[in-house]
PDB file of N, CA and C in Angstrom:
ATOM      1  N   LEU A   1     118.064 -42.862 -95.232  1.00  0.00           N
ATOM      2  CA  LEU A   1     117.205 -43.690 -94.400  1.00  0.00           C
ATOM      3  C   LEU A   1     117.440 -45.131 -94.795  1.00  0.00           C
ATOM      4  N   ALA A   2     117.976 -45.926 -93.910  1.00  0.00           N
ATOM      5  CA  ALA A   2     118.290 -47.325 -94.196  1.00  0.00           C
ATOM      6  C   ALA A   2     117.020 -48.158 -94.198  1.00  0.00           C
ATOM      7  N   GLY A   3     117.097 -49.317 -94.812  1.00  0.00           N
ATOM      8  CA  GLY A   3     115.977 -50.240 -94.805  1.00  0.00           C
ATOM      9  C   GLY A   3     115.727 -50.743 -93.399  1.00  0.00           C
ATOM     10  N   CYS A   4     114.495 -50.885 -93.025  1.00  0.00           N
ATOM     11  CA  CYS A   4     114.159 -51.319 -91.681  1.00  0.00           C
ATOM     12  C   CYS A   4     113.249 -52.531 -91.752  1.00  0.00           C
ATOM     13  N   ILE A   5     113.519 -53.473 -90.886  1.00  0.00           N
ATOM     14  CA  ILE A   5     112.672 -54.647 -90.771  1.00  0.00           C
ATOM     15  C   ILE A   5     112.150 -54.669 -89.343  1.00  0.00           C
ATOM     16  N   TYR A   6     110.851 -54.739 -89.190  1.00  0.00           N
ATOM     17  CA  TYR A   6     110.233 -54.776 -87.875  1.00  0.00           C
ATOM     18  C   TYR A   6     109.416 -56.049 -87.755  1.00  0.00           C
ATOM     19  N   ASN A   7     109.344 -56.583 -86.541  1.00  0.00           N
ATOM     20  CA  ASN A   7     108.598 -57.814 -86.326  1.00  0.00           C
ATOM     21  C   ASN A   7     107.212 -57.546 -85.755  1.00  0.00           C
ATOM     22  N   SER A   8     106.703 -56.342 -85.952  1.00  0.00           N
ATOM     23  CA  SER A   8     105.398 -55.974 -85.428  1.00  0.00           C
ATOM     24  C   SER A   8     104.695 -55.035 -86.401  1.00  0.00           C
ATOM     25  N   LYS A   9     103.388 -55.216 -86.526  1.00  0.00           N
ATOM     26  CA  LYS A   9     102.584 -54.297 -87.338  1.00  0.00           C
ATOM     27  C   LYS A   9     101.587 -53.550 -86.454  1.00  0.00           C
ATOM     28  N   LEU A  10     101.972 -53.318 -85.212  1.00  0.00           N
ATOM     29  CA  LEU A  10     101.103 -52.602 -84.290  1.00  0.00           C
ATOM     30  C   LEU A  10     101.149 -51.099 -84.561  1.00  0.00           C
ATOM     31  N   PRO A  11     100.076 -50.386 -84.223  1.00  0.00           N
ATOM     32  CA  PRO A  11     100.073 -48.936 -84.402  1.00  0.00           C
ATOM     33  C   PRO A  11     101.226 -48.243 -83.676  1.00  0.00           C
ATOM     34  N   LEU A  12     101.575 -48.714 -82.489  1.00  0.00           N
ATOM     35  CA  LEU A  12     102.671 -48.083 -81.751  1.00  0.00           C
ATOM     36  C   LEU A  12     104.010 -48.275 -82.453  1.00  0.00           C
ATOM     37  N   THR A  13     104.176 -49.380 -83.171  1.00  0.00           N
ATOM     38  CA  THR A  13     105.392 -49.579 -83.955  1.00  0.00           C
ATOM     39  C   THR A  13     105.445 -48.562 -85.088  1.00  0.00           C
ATOM     40  N   ALA A  14     104.314 -48.324 -85.736  1.00  0.00           N
ATOM     41  CA  ALA A  14     104.262 -47.330 -86.813  1.00  0.00           C
ATOM     42  C   ALA A  14     104.602 -45.939 -86.278  1.00  0.00           C
ATOM     43  N   VAL A  15     104.108 -45.610 -85.092  1.00  0.00           N
ATOM     44  CA  VAL A  15     104.429 -44.325 -84.462  1.00  0.00           C
ATOM     45  C   VAL A  15     105.926 -44.260 -84.162  1.00  0.00           C
ATOM     46  N   HIS A  16     106.460 -45.339 -83.617  1.00  0.00           N
ATOM     47  CA  HIS A  16     107.888 -45.394 -83.278  1.00  0.00           C
ATOM     48  C   HIS A  16     108.754 -45.163 -84.513  1.00  0.00           C
ATOM     49  N   VAL A  17     108.439 -45.839 -85.601  1.00  0.00           N
ATOM     50  CA  VAL A  17     109.217 -45.695 -86.837  1.00  0.00           C
ATOM     51  C   VAL A  17     109.141 -44.257 -87.351  1.00  0.00           C
ATOM     52  N   LEU A  18     107.945 -43.704 -87.370  1.00  0.00           N
ATOM     53  CA  LEU A  18     107.773 -42.336 -87.863  1.00  0.00           C
ATOM     54  C   LEU A  18     108.524 -41.334 -86.981  1.00  0.00           C
ATOM     55  N   ASN A  19     108.383 -41.471 -85.673  1.00  0.00           N
ATOM     56  CA  ASN A  19     108.992 -40.525 -84.739  1.00  0.00           C
ATOM     57  C   ASN A  19     110.514 -40.664 -84.663  1.00  0.00           C
ATOM     58  N   ASN A  20     111.021 -41.884 -84.646  1.00  0.00           N
ATOM     59  CA  ASN A  20     112.450 -42.099 -84.401  1.00  0.00           C
ATOM     60  C   ASN A  20     113.294 -42.209 -85.656  1.00  0.00           C
ATOM     61  N   ASP A  21     112.685 -42.561 -86.786  1.00  0.00           N
ATOM     62  CA  ASP A  21     113.463 -42.785 -88.007  1.00  0.00           C
ATOM     63  C   ASP A  21     113.091 -41.822 -89.134  1.00  0.00           C
ATOM     64  N   VAL A  22     111.815 -41.767 -89.468  1.00  0.00           N
ATOM     65  CA  VAL A  22     111.390 -41.020 -90.656  1.00  0.00           C
ATOM     66  C   VAL A  22     111.473 -39.511 -90.446  1.00  0.00           C
ATOM     67  N   LEU A  23     110.824 -39.002 -89.407  1.00  0.00           N
ATOM     68  CA  LEU A  23     110.826 -37.551 -89.191  1.00  0.00           C
ATOM     69  C   LEU A  23     112.240 -36.994 -88.987  1.00  0.00           C
ATOM     70  N   PRO A  24     113.087 -37.625 -88.159  1.00  0.00           N
ATOM     71  CA  PRO A  24     114.454 -37.103 -88.022  1.00  0.00           C
ATOM     72  C   PRO A  24     115.227 -37.095 -89.340  1.00  0.00           C
ATOM     73  N   HIS A  25     115.010 -38.099 -90.184  1.00  0.00           N
ATOM     74  CA  HIS A  25     115.688 -38.141 -91.481  1.00  0.00           C
ATOM     75  C   HIS A  25     115.312 -36.920 -92.319  1.00  0.00           C
ATOM     76  N   PHE A  26     114.033 -36.618 -92.388  1.00  0.00           N
ATOM     77  CA  PHE A  26     113.594 -35.470 -93.178  1.00  0.00           C
ATOM     78  C   PHE A  26     114.037 -34.152 -92.542  1.00  0.00           C
ATOM     79  N   GLU A  27     114.034 -34.088 -91.208  1.00  0.00           N
ATOM     80  CA  GLU A  27     114.480 -32.870 -90.527  1.00  0.00           C
ATOM     81  C   GLU A  27     115.953 -32.594 -90.812  1.00  0.00           C
ATOM     82  N   GLN A  28     116.775 -33.640 -90.897  1.00  0.00           N
ATOM     83  CA  GLN A  28     118.196 -33.466 -91.229  1.00  0.00           C
ATOM     84  C   GLN A  28     118.371 -32.862 -92.618  1.00  0.00           C
ATOM     85  N   GLN A  29     117.411 -33.094 -93.493  1.00  0.00           N
ATOM     86  CA  GLN A  29     117.455 -32.544 -94.847  1.00  0.00           C
ATOM     87  C   GLN A  29     116.726 -31.201 -94.939  1.00  0.00           C
ATOM     88  N   SER A  30     116.319 -30.674 -93.789  1.00  0.00           N
ATOM     89  CA  SER A  30     115.536 -29.428 -93.702  1.00  0.00           C
ATOM     90  C   SER A  30     114.224 -29.538 -94.479  1.00  0.00           C
ATOM     91  N   LEU A  31     113.615 -30.718 -94.413  1.00  0.00           N
ATOM     92  CA  LEU A  31     112.331 -30.963 -95.072  1.00  0.00           C
ATOM     93  C   LEU A  31     111.281 -31.284 -94.018  1.00  0.00           C
ATOM     94  N   ARG A  32     110.053 -30.930 -94.333  1.00  0.00           N
ATOM     95  CA  ARG A  32     108.941 -31.218 -93.437  1.00  0.00           C
ATOM     96  C   ARG A  32     107.907 -32.033 -94.185  1.00  0.00           C
ATOM     97  N   ILE A  33     107.395 -33.059 -93.530  1.00  0.00           N
ATOM     98  CA  ILE A  33     106.321 -33.856 -94.122  1.00  0.00           C
ATOM     99  C   ILE A  33     105.015 -33.113 -93.884  1.00  0.00           C
ATOM    100  N   GLU A  34     104.333 -32.766 -94.960  1.00  0.00           N
ATOM    101  CA  GLU A  34     103.060 -32.055 -94.836  1.00  0.00           C
ATOM    102  C   GLU A  34     101.882 -33.011 -94.872  1.00  0.00           C
ATOM    103  N   THR A  35     101.971 -34.045 -95.721  1.00  0.00           N
ATOM    104  CA  THR A  35     100.880 -35.001 -95.882  1.00  0.00           C
ATOM    105  C   THR A  35     101.460 -36.398 -95.973  1.00  0.00           C
ATOM    106  N   LEU A  36     100.805 -37.349 -95.341  1.00  0.00           N
ATOM    107  CA  LEU A  36     101.235 -38.737 -95.384  1.00  0.00           C
ATOM    108  C   LEU A  36     100.123 -39.566 -96.012  1.00  0.00           C
ATOM    109  N   LEU A  37     100.485 -40.423 -96.948  1.00  0.00           N
ATOM    110  CA  LEU A  37      99.544 -41.315 -97.617  1.00  0.00           C
ATOM    111  C   LEU A  37      99.897 -42.738 -97.241  1.00  0.00           C
ATOM    112  N   SER A  38      98.918 -43.507 -96.779  1.00  0.00           N
ATOM    113  CA  SER A  38      99.152 -44.914 -96.453  1.00  0.00           C
ATOM    114  C   SER A  38      97.984 -45.746 -96.953  1.00  0.00           C
ATOM    115  N   ASP A  39      98.170 -47.061 -96.868  1.00  0.00           N
ATOM    116  CA  ASP A  39      97.047 -47.941 -97.154  1.00  0.00           C
ATOM    117  C   ASP A  39      96.130 -47.942 -95.930  1.00  0.00           C
ATOM    118  N   ASN A  40      95.148 -48.816 -95.918  1.00  0.00           N
ATOM    119  CA  ASN A  40      94.155 -48.828 -94.850  1.00  0.00           C
ATOM    120  C   ASN A  40      94.451 -49.870 -93.780  1.00  0.00           C
ATOM    121  N   GLY A  41      95.723 -50.234 -93.625  1.00  0.00           N
ATOM    122  CA  GLY A  41      96.103 -51.223 -92.623  1.00  0.00           C
ATOM    123  C   GLY A  41      95.783 -50.751 -91.217  1.00  0.00           C
ATOM    124  N   ARG A  42      95.508 -51.707 -90.339  1.00  0.00           N
ATOM    125  CA  ARG A  42      95.142 -51.375 -88.960  1.00  0.00           C
ATOM    126  C   ARG A  42      96.252 -50.648 -88.208  1.00  0.00           C
ATOM    127  N   GLU A  43      97.503 -50.841 -88.662  1.00  0.00           N
ATOM    128  CA  GLU A  43      98.595 -50.142 -87.988  1.00  0.00           C
ATOM    129  C   GLU A  43      98.577 -48.648 -88.281  1.00  0.00           C
ATOM    130  N   TYR A  44      97.840 -48.240 -89.316  1.00  0.00           N
ATOM    131  CA  TYR A  44      97.823 -46.835 -89.729  1.00  0.00           C
ATOM    132  C   TYR A  44      96.515 -46.117 -89.457  1.00  0.00           C
ATOM    133  N   CYS A  45      95.409 -46.813 -89.424  1.00  0.00           N
ATOM    134  CA  CYS A  45      94.146 -46.088 -89.283  1.00  0.00           C
ATOM    135  C   CYS A  45      93.132 -46.856 -88.446  1.00  0.00           C
ATOM    136  N   GLY A  46      92.262 -46.095 -87.858  1.00  0.00           N
ATOM    137  CA  GLY A  46      91.184 -46.587 -87.012  1.00  0.00           C
ATOM    138  C   GLY A  46      90.315 -45.390 -86.687  1.00  0.00           C
ATOM    139  N   ARG A  47      89.850 -45.303 -85.464  1.00  0.00           N
ATOM    140  CA  ARG A  47      89.102 -44.111 -85.051  1.00  0.00           C
ATOM    141  C   ARG A  47      90.088 -42.973 -84.844  1.00  0.00           C
ATOM    142  N   PRO A  48      89.950 -41.876 -85.601  1.00  0.00           N
ATOM    143  CA  PRO A  48      90.933 -40.783 -85.533  1.00  0.00           C
ATOM    144  C   PRO A  48      91.149 -40.217 -84.132  1.00  0.00           C
ATOM    145  N   ASP A  49      90.128 -40.287 -83.274  1.00  0.00           N
ATOM    146  CA  ASP A  49      90.265 -39.725 -81.929  1.00  0.00           C
ATOM    147  C   ASP A  49      90.892 -40.704 -80.942  1.00  0.00           C
ATOM    148  N   GLN A  50      91.166 -41.963 -81.382  1.00  0.00           N
ATOM    149  CA  GLN A  50      91.722 -42.964 -80.473  1.00  0.00           C
ATOM    150  C   GLN A  50      92.936 -43.695 -81.035  1.00  0.00           C
ATOM    151  N   HIS A  51      93.126 -43.681 -82.329  1.00  0.00           N
ATOM    152  CA  HIS A  51      94.185 -44.480 -82.940  1.00  0.00           C
ATOM    153  C   HIS A  51      95.546 -43.809 -82.731  1.00  0.00           C
ATOM    154  N   PRO A  52      96.530 -44.530 -82.162  1.00  0.00           N
ATOM    155  CA  PRO A  52      97.829 -43.915 -81.848  1.00  0.00           C
ATOM    156  C   PRO A  52      98.521 -43.260 -83.044  1.00  0.00           C
ATOM    157  N   PHE A  53      98.490 -43.903 -84.202  1.00  0.00           N
ATOM    158  CA  PHE A  53      99.173 -43.351 -85.371  1.00  0.00           C
ATOM    159  C   PHE A  53      98.503 -42.058 -85.827  1.00  0.00           C
ATOM    160  N   GLU A  54      97.190 -42.067 -85.886  1.00  0.00           N
ATOM    161  CA  GLU A  54      96.466 -40.868 -86.321  1.00  0.00           C
ATOM    162  C   GLU A  54      96.594 -39.732 -85.299  1.00  0.00           C
ATOM    163  N   LEU A  55      96.590 -40.078 -84.015  1.00  0.00           N
ATOM    164  CA  LEU A  55      96.785 -39.052 -82.987  1.00  0.00           C
ATOM    165  C   LEU A  55      98.179 -38.438 -83.093  1.00  0.00           C
ATOM    166  N   PHE A  56      99.181 -39.271 -83.346  1.00  0.00           N
ATOM    167  CA  PHE A  56     100.545 -38.758 -83.492  1.00  0.00           C
ATOM    168  C   PHE A  56     100.638 -37.798 -84.671  1.00  0.00           C
ATOM    169  N   LEU A  57     100.022 -38.160 -85.788  1.00  0.00           N
ATOM    170  CA  LEU A  57     100.039 -37.270 -86.957  1.00  0.00           C
ATOM    171  C   LEU A  57      99.371 -35.936 -86.638  1.00  0.00           C
ATOM    172  N   GLN A  58      98.268 -35.986 -85.895  1.00  0.00           N
ATOM    173  CA  GLN A  58      97.598 -34.740 -85.502  1.00  0.00           C
ATOM    174  C   GLN A  58      98.518 -33.876 -84.644  1.00  0.00           C
ATOM    175  N   LEU A  59      99.214 -34.501 -83.695  1.00  0.00           N
ATOM    176  CA  LEU A  59     100.138 -33.756 -82.831  1.00  0.00           C
ATOM    177  C   LEU A  59     101.276 -33.125 -83.626  1.00  0.00           C
ATOM    178  N   GLU A  60     101.718 -33.808 -84.674  1.00  0.00           N
ATOM    179  CA  GLU A  60     102.816 -33.305 -85.504  1.00  0.00           C
ATOM    180  C   GLU A  60     102.340 -32.336 -86.590  1.00  0.00           C
ATOM    181  N   GLY A  61     101.016 -32.172 -86.723  1.00  0.00           N
ATOM    182  CA  GLY A  61     100.476 -31.273 -87.739  1.00  0.00           C
ATOM    183  C   GLY A  61     100.613 -31.820 -89.150  1.00  0.00           C
ATOM    184  N   ILE A  62     100.601 -33.140 -89.281  1.00  0.00           N
ATOM    185  CA  ILE A  62     100.736 -33.788 -90.588  1.00  0.00           C
ATOM    186  C   ILE A  62      99.353 -34.218 -91.061  1.00  0.00           C
ATOM    187  N   LYS A  63      98.971 -33.783 -92.257  1.00  0.00           N
ATOM    188  CA  LYS A  63      97.698 -34.215 -92.842  1.00  0.00           C
ATOM    189  C   LYS A  63      97.818 -35.690 -93.193  1.00  0.00           C
ATOM    190  N   TYR A  64      96.706 -36.410 -93.110  1.00  0.00           N
ATOM    191  CA  TYR A  64      96.732 -37.852 -93.326  1.00  0.00           C
ATOM    192  C   TYR A  64      95.670 -38.260 -94.329  1.00  0.00           C
ATOM    193  N   ARG A  65      96.085 -39.051 -95.303  1.00  0.00           N
ATOM    194  CA  ARG A  65      95.158 -39.596 -96.306  1.00  0.00           C
ATOM    195  C   ARG A  65      95.425 -41.086 -96.447  1.00  0.00           C
ATOM    196  N   THR A  66      94.381 -41.810 -96.791  1.00  0.00           N
ATOM    197  CA  THR A  66      94.537 -43.236 -97.081  1.00  0.00           C
ATOM    198  C   THR A  66      94.134 -43.493 -98.525  1.00  0.00           C
ATOM    199  N   THR A  67      94.684 -44.564 -99.067  1.00  0.00           N
ATOM    200  CA  THR A  67      94.314 -44.948-100.420  1.00  0.00           C
ATOM    201  C   THR A  67      92.901 -45.506-100.404  1.00  0.00           C
ATOM    202  N   ARG A  68      92.232 -45.429-101.527  1.00  0.00           N
ATOM    203  CA  ARG A  68      90.912 -46.038-101.639  1.00  0.00           C
ATOM    204  C   ARG A  68      91.080 -47.550-101.666  1.00  0.00           C
ATOM    205  N   VAL A  69      90.164 -48.236-101.027  1.00  0.00           N
ATOM    206  CA  VAL A  69      90.214 -49.692-100.966  1.00  0.00           C
ATOM    207  C   VAL A  69      90.169 -50.274-102.374  1.00  0.00           C
ATOM    208  N   ARG A  70      91.042 -51.227-102.629  1.00  0.00           N
ATOM    209  CA  ARG A  70      91.159 -51.928-103.905  1.00  0.00           C
ATOM    210  C   ARG A  70      91.504 -50.984-105.069  1.00  0.00           C
ATOM    211  N   ARG A  71      92.165 -49.885-104.772  1.00  0.00           N
ATOM    212  CA  ARG A  71      92.624 -48.935-105.789  1.00  0.00           C
ATOM    213  C   ARG A  71      94.119 -48.715-105.596  1.00  0.00           C
ATOM    214  N   LEU A  72      94.922 -49.628-106.112  1.00  0.00           N
ATOM    215  CA  LEU A  72      96.356 -49.581-105.883  1.00  0.00           C
ATOM    216  C   LEU A  72      97.074 -48.570-106.763  1.00  0.00           C
ATOM    217  N   GLN A  73      96.385 -47.970-107.729  1.00  0.00           N
ATOM    218  CA  GLN A  73      97.049 -47.037-108.635  1.00  0.00           C
ATOM    219  C   GLN A  73      97.662 -45.859-107.880  1.00  0.00           C
ATOM    220  N   ARG A  74      96.971 -45.345-106.899  1.00  0.00           N
ATOM    221  CA  ARG A  74      97.457 -44.177-106.164  1.00  0.00           C
ATOM    222  C   ARG A  74      98.740 -44.500-105.404  1.00  0.00           C
ATOM    223  N   ASN A  75      98.885 -45.726-104.979  1.00  0.00           N
ATOM    224  CA  ASN A  75     100.037 -46.151-104.198  1.00  0.00           C
ATOM    225  C   ASN A  75     100.897 -47.113-105.019  1.00  0.00           C
ATOM    226  N   GLY A  76     100.825 -47.001-106.336  1.00  0.00           N
ATOM    227  CA  GLY A  76     101.466 -47.951-107.235  1.00  0.00           C
ATOM    228  C   GLY A  76     102.965 -48.052-107.081  1.00  0.00           C
ATOM    229  N   PHE A  77     103.643 -46.929-106.837  1.00  0.00           N
ATOM    230  CA  PHE A  77     105.097 -46.952-106.673  1.00  0.00           C
ATOM    231  C   PHE A  77     105.496 -47.848-105.502  1.00  0.00           C
ATOM    232  N   VAL A  78     104.800 -47.693-104.381  1.00  0.00           N
ATOM    233  CA  VAL A  78     105.111 -48.487-103.195  1.00  0.00           C
ATOM    234  C   VAL A  78     104.792 -49.955-103.441  1.00  0.00           C
ATOM    235  N   GLU A  79     103.649 -50.225-104.075  1.00  0.00           N
ATOM    236  CA  GLU A  79     103.284 -51.612-104.367  1.00  0.00           C
ATOM    237  C   GLU A  79     104.322 -52.264-105.276  1.00  0.00           C
ATOM    238  N   ARG A  80     104.811 -51.535-106.256  1.00  0.00           N
ATOM    239  CA  ARG A  80     105.833 -52.080-107.156  1.00  0.00           C
ATOM    240  C   ARG A  80     107.145 -52.315-106.414  1.00  0.00           C
ATOM    241  N   LEU A  81     107.511 -51.403-105.529  1.00  0.00           N
ATOM    242  CA  LEU A  81     108.724 -51.591-104.735  1.00  0.00           C
ATOM    243  C   LEU A  81     108.604 -52.830-103.859  1.00  0.00           C
ATOM    244  N   HIS A  82     107.462 -53.012-103.217  1.00  0.00           N
ATOM    245  CA  HIS A  82     107.254 -54.208-102.394  1.00  0.00           C
ATOM    246  C   HIS A  82     107.415 -55.474-103.226  1.00  0.00           C
ATOM    247  N   ARG A  83     106.852 -55.480-104.411  1.00  0.00           N
ATOM    248  CA  ARG A  83     106.961 -56.649-105.292  1.00  0.00           C
ATOM    249  C   ARG A  83     108.420 -56.911-105.675  1.00  0.00           C
ATOM    250  N   THR A  84     109.155 -55.857-106.003  1.00  0.00           N
ATOM    251  CA  THR A  84     110.569 -55.999-106.355  1.00  0.00           C
ATOM    252  C   THR A  84     111.367 -56.540-105.175  1.00  0.00           C
ATOM    253  N   LEU A  85     111.124 -56.004-103.984  1.00  0.00           N
ATOM    254  CA  LEU A  85     111.840 -56.484-102.800  1.00  0.00           C
ATOM    255  C   LEU A  85     111.544 -57.950-102.531  1.00  0.00           C
ATOM    256  N   LEU A  86     110.292 -58.349-102.695  1.00  0.00           N
ATOM    257  CA  LEU A  86     109.942 -59.757-102.510  1.00  0.00           C
ATOM    258  C   LEU A  86     110.624 -60.640-103.547  1.00  0.00           C
ATOM    259  N   ASP A  87     110.503 -60.263-104.816  1.00  0.00           N
ATOM    260  CA  ASP A  87     111.030 -61.093-105.903  1.00  0.00           C
ATOM    261  C   ASP A  87     112.548 -61.155-105.928  1.00  0.00           C
ATOM    262  N   GLU A  88     113.199 -60.020-105.712  1.00  0.00           N
ATOM    263  CA  GLU A  88     114.650 -59.967-105.881  1.00  0.00           C
ATOM    264  C   GLU A  88     115.435 -60.218-104.598  1.00  0.00           C
ATOM    265  N   HIS A  89     114.787 -60.085-103.453  1.00  0.00           N
ATOM    266  CA  HIS A  89     115.553 -60.287-102.217  1.00  0.00           C
ATOM    267  C   HIS A  89     114.925 -61.320-101.285  1.00  0.00           C
ATOM    268  N   PHE A  90     113.757 -61.029-100.753  1.00  0.00           N
ATOM    269  CA  PHE A  90     113.229 -61.845 -99.669  1.00  0.00           C
ATOM    270  C   PHE A  90     112.940 -63.287-100.063  1.00  0.00           C
ATOM    271  N   ARG A  91     112.370 -63.515-101.227  1.00  0.00           N
ATOM    272  CA  ARG A  91     112.091 -64.897-101.630  1.00  0.00           C
ATOM    273  C   ARG A  91     113.377 -65.675-101.868  1.00  0.00           C
ATOM    274  N   ILE A  92     114.380 -65.033-102.431  1.00  0.00           N
ATOM    275  CA  ILE A  92     115.665 -65.695-102.684  1.00  0.00           C
ATOM    276  C   ILE A  92     116.406 -65.911-101.368  1.00  0.00           C
ATOM    277  N   ALA A  93     116.546 -64.856-100.578  1.00  0.00           N
ATOM    278  CA  ALA A  93     117.265 -64.966 -99.308  1.00  0.00           C
ATOM    279  C   ALA A  93     116.564 -65.934 -98.362  1.00  0.00           C
ATOM    280  N   GLY A  94     115.248 -65.955 -98.393  1.00  0.00           N
ATOM    281  CA  GLY A  94     114.496 -66.863 -97.531  1.00  0.00           C
ATOM    282  C   GLY A  94     114.724 -68.325 -97.853  1.00  0.00           C
ATOM    283  N   ARG A  95     115.066 -68.621 -99.094  1.00  0.00           N
ATOM    284  CA  ARG A  95     115.342 -70.014 -99.485  1.00  0.00           C
ATOM    285  C   ARG A  95     116.797 -70.404 -99.257  1.00  0.00           C
ATOM    286  N   THR A  96     117.690 -69.432 -99.225  1.00  0.00           N
ATOM    287  CA  THR A  96     119.115 -69.756 -99.191  1.00  0.00           C
ATOM    288  C   THR A  96     119.808 -69.420 -97.877  1.00  0.00           C
ATOM    289  N   THR A  97     119.172 -68.666 -97.009  1.00  0.00           N
ATOM    290  CA  THR A  97     119.831 -68.208 -95.788  1.00  0.00           C
ATOM    291  C   THR A  97     118.963 -68.509 -94.572  1.00  0.00           C
ATOM    292  N   TRP A  98     119.591 -69.053 -93.539  1.00  0.00           N
ATOM    293  CA  TRP A  98     118.902 -69.255 -92.265  1.00  0.00           C
ATOM    294  C   TRP A  98     119.320 -68.114 -91.342  1.00  0.00           C
ATOM    295  N   TYR A  99     118.383 -67.235 -91.042  1.00  0.00           N
ATOM    296  CA  TYR A  99     118.687 -66.089 -90.193  1.00  0.00           C
ATOM    297  C   TYR A  99     118.492 -66.466 -88.729  1.00  0.00           C
ATOM    298  N   GLU A 100     119.494 -66.157 -87.927  1.00  0.00           N
ATOM    299  CA  GLU A 100     119.430 -66.436 -86.491  1.00  0.00           C
ATOM    300  C   GLU A 100     118.770 -65.290 -85.719  1.00  0.00           C
ATOM    301  N   SER A 101     118.700 -64.119 -86.346  1.00  0.00           N
ATOM    302  CA  SER A 101     118.130 -62.962 -85.650  1.00  0.00           C
ATOM    303  C   SER A 101     117.599 -61.952 -86.665  1.00  0.00           C
ATOM    304  N   ILE A 102     116.792 -61.048 -86.171  1.00  0.00           N
ATOM    305  CA  ILE A 102     116.301 -59.962 -87.019  1.00  0.00           C
ATOM    306  C   ILE A 102     117.473 -59.064 -87.413  1.00  0.00           C
ATOM    307  N   ASP A 103     118.438 -58.893 -86.508  1.00  0.00           N
ATOM    308  CA  ASP A 103     119.610 -58.066 -86.838  1.00  0.00           C
ATOM    309  C   ASP A 103     120.372 -58.632 -88.030  1.00  0.00           C
ATOM    310  N   GLN A 104     120.511 -59.950 -88.082  1.00  0.00           N
ATOM    311  CA  GLN A 104     121.195 -60.580 -89.213  1.00  0.00           C
ATOM    312  C   GLN A 104     120.395 -60.356 -90.500  1.00  0.00           C
ATOM    313  N   MET A 105     119.077 -60.523 -90.421  1.00  0.00           N
ATOM    314  CA  MET A 105     118.218 -60.289 -91.581  1.00  0.00           C
ATOM    315  C   MET A 105     118.301 -58.824 -92.009  1.00  0.00           C
ATOM    316  N   HIS A 106     118.317 -57.936 -91.033  1.00  0.00           N
ATOM    317  CA  HIS A 106     118.392 -56.503 -91.312  1.00  0.00           C
ATOM    318  C   HIS A 106     119.698 -56.158 -92.025  1.00  0.00           C
ATOM    319  N   GLY A 107     120.818 -56.740 -91.574  1.00  0.00           N
ATOM    320  CA  GLY A 107     122.106 -56.495 -92.222  1.00  0.00           C
ATOM    321  C   GLY A 107     122.122 -56.964 -93.659  1.00  0.00           C
ATOM    322  N   ASP A 108     121.534 -58.127 -93.905  1.00  0.00           N
ATOM    323  CA  ASP A 108     121.452 -58.662 -95.263  1.00  0.00           C
ATOM    324  C   ASP A 108     120.583 -57.762 -96.143  1.00  0.00           C
ATOM    325  N   PHE A 109     119.483 -57.275 -95.578  1.00  0.00           N
ATOM    326  CA  PHE A 109     118.588 -56.387 -96.316  1.00  0.00           C
ATOM    327  C   PHE A 109     119.274 -55.058 -96.634  1.00  0.00           C
ATOM    328  N   ASP A 110     120.013 -54.514 -95.668  1.00  0.00           N
ATOM    329  CA  ASP A 110     120.764 -53.273 -95.922  1.00  0.00           C
ATOM    330  C   ASP A 110     121.761 -53.454 -97.061  1.00  0.00           C
ATOM    331  N   ALA A 111     122.452 -54.599 -97.075  1.00  0.00           N
ATOM    332  CA  ALA A 111     123.417 -54.871 -98.152  1.00  0.00           C
ATOM    333  C   ALA A 111     122.696 -54.941 -99.494  1.00  0.00           C
ATOM    334  N   TYR A 112     121.521 -55.580 -99.519  1.00  0.00           N
ATOM    335  CA  TYR A 112     120.743 -55.647-100.755  1.00  0.00           C
ATOM    336  C   TYR A 112     120.344 -54.240-101.213  1.00  0.00           C
ATOM    337  N   LEU A 113     119.834 -53.416-100.289  1.00  0.00           N
ATOM    338  CA  LEU A 113     119.411 -52.061-100.660  1.00  0.00           C
ATOM    339  C   LEU A 113     120.582 -51.233-101.183  1.00  0.00           C
ATOM    340  N   HIS A 114     121.750 -51.395-100.583  1.00  0.00           N
ATOM    341  CA  HIS A 114     122.931 -50.675-101.067  1.00  0.00           C
ATOM    342  C   HIS A 114     123.242 -51.091-102.505  1.00  0.00           C
ATOM    343  N   HIS A 115     123.174 -52.387-102.775  1.00  0.00           N
ATOM    344  CA  HIS A 115     123.416 -52.898-104.130  1.00  0.00           C
ATOM    345  C   HIS A 115     122.311 -52.432-105.091  1.00  0.00           C
ATOM    346  N   TYR A 116     121.059 -52.476-104.632  1.00  0.00           N
ATOM    347  CA  TYR A 116     119.909 -52.109-105.461  1.00  0.00           C
ATOM    348  C   TYR A 116     119.981 -50.645-105.874  1.00  0.00           C
ATOM    349  N   ASN A 117     120.373 -49.788-104.947  1.00  0.00           N
ATOM    350  CA  ASN A 117     120.417 -48.349-105.226  1.00  0.00           C
ATOM    351  C   ASN A 117     121.674 -47.971-105.957  1.00  0.00           C
TER     352      ASN A 117
END
């Protein structure tokens, strides 16, 4: 699964990423996502009977949990990864490179992830 940069934090974008990128990646590995853990961002949660992301998870039979507010320990791995990406890539690249498009930024990010891994 390559690094992805999106210019939207809308619930429908989260559904799109999960449906088109994440689930197919796991299916190719013959794996099924049983439970998904996210923070409490608006792109991920709202009223369970109306929120697009939560409705999609229900349709896919995926259990959904959110982290407790102001309790980053449960999601510590992701928080640390975000910090590393900011410190080692985005802050440096943002000062030294003028990106003309999201595709250009995405290519640079993919190269960083390849080097990082």
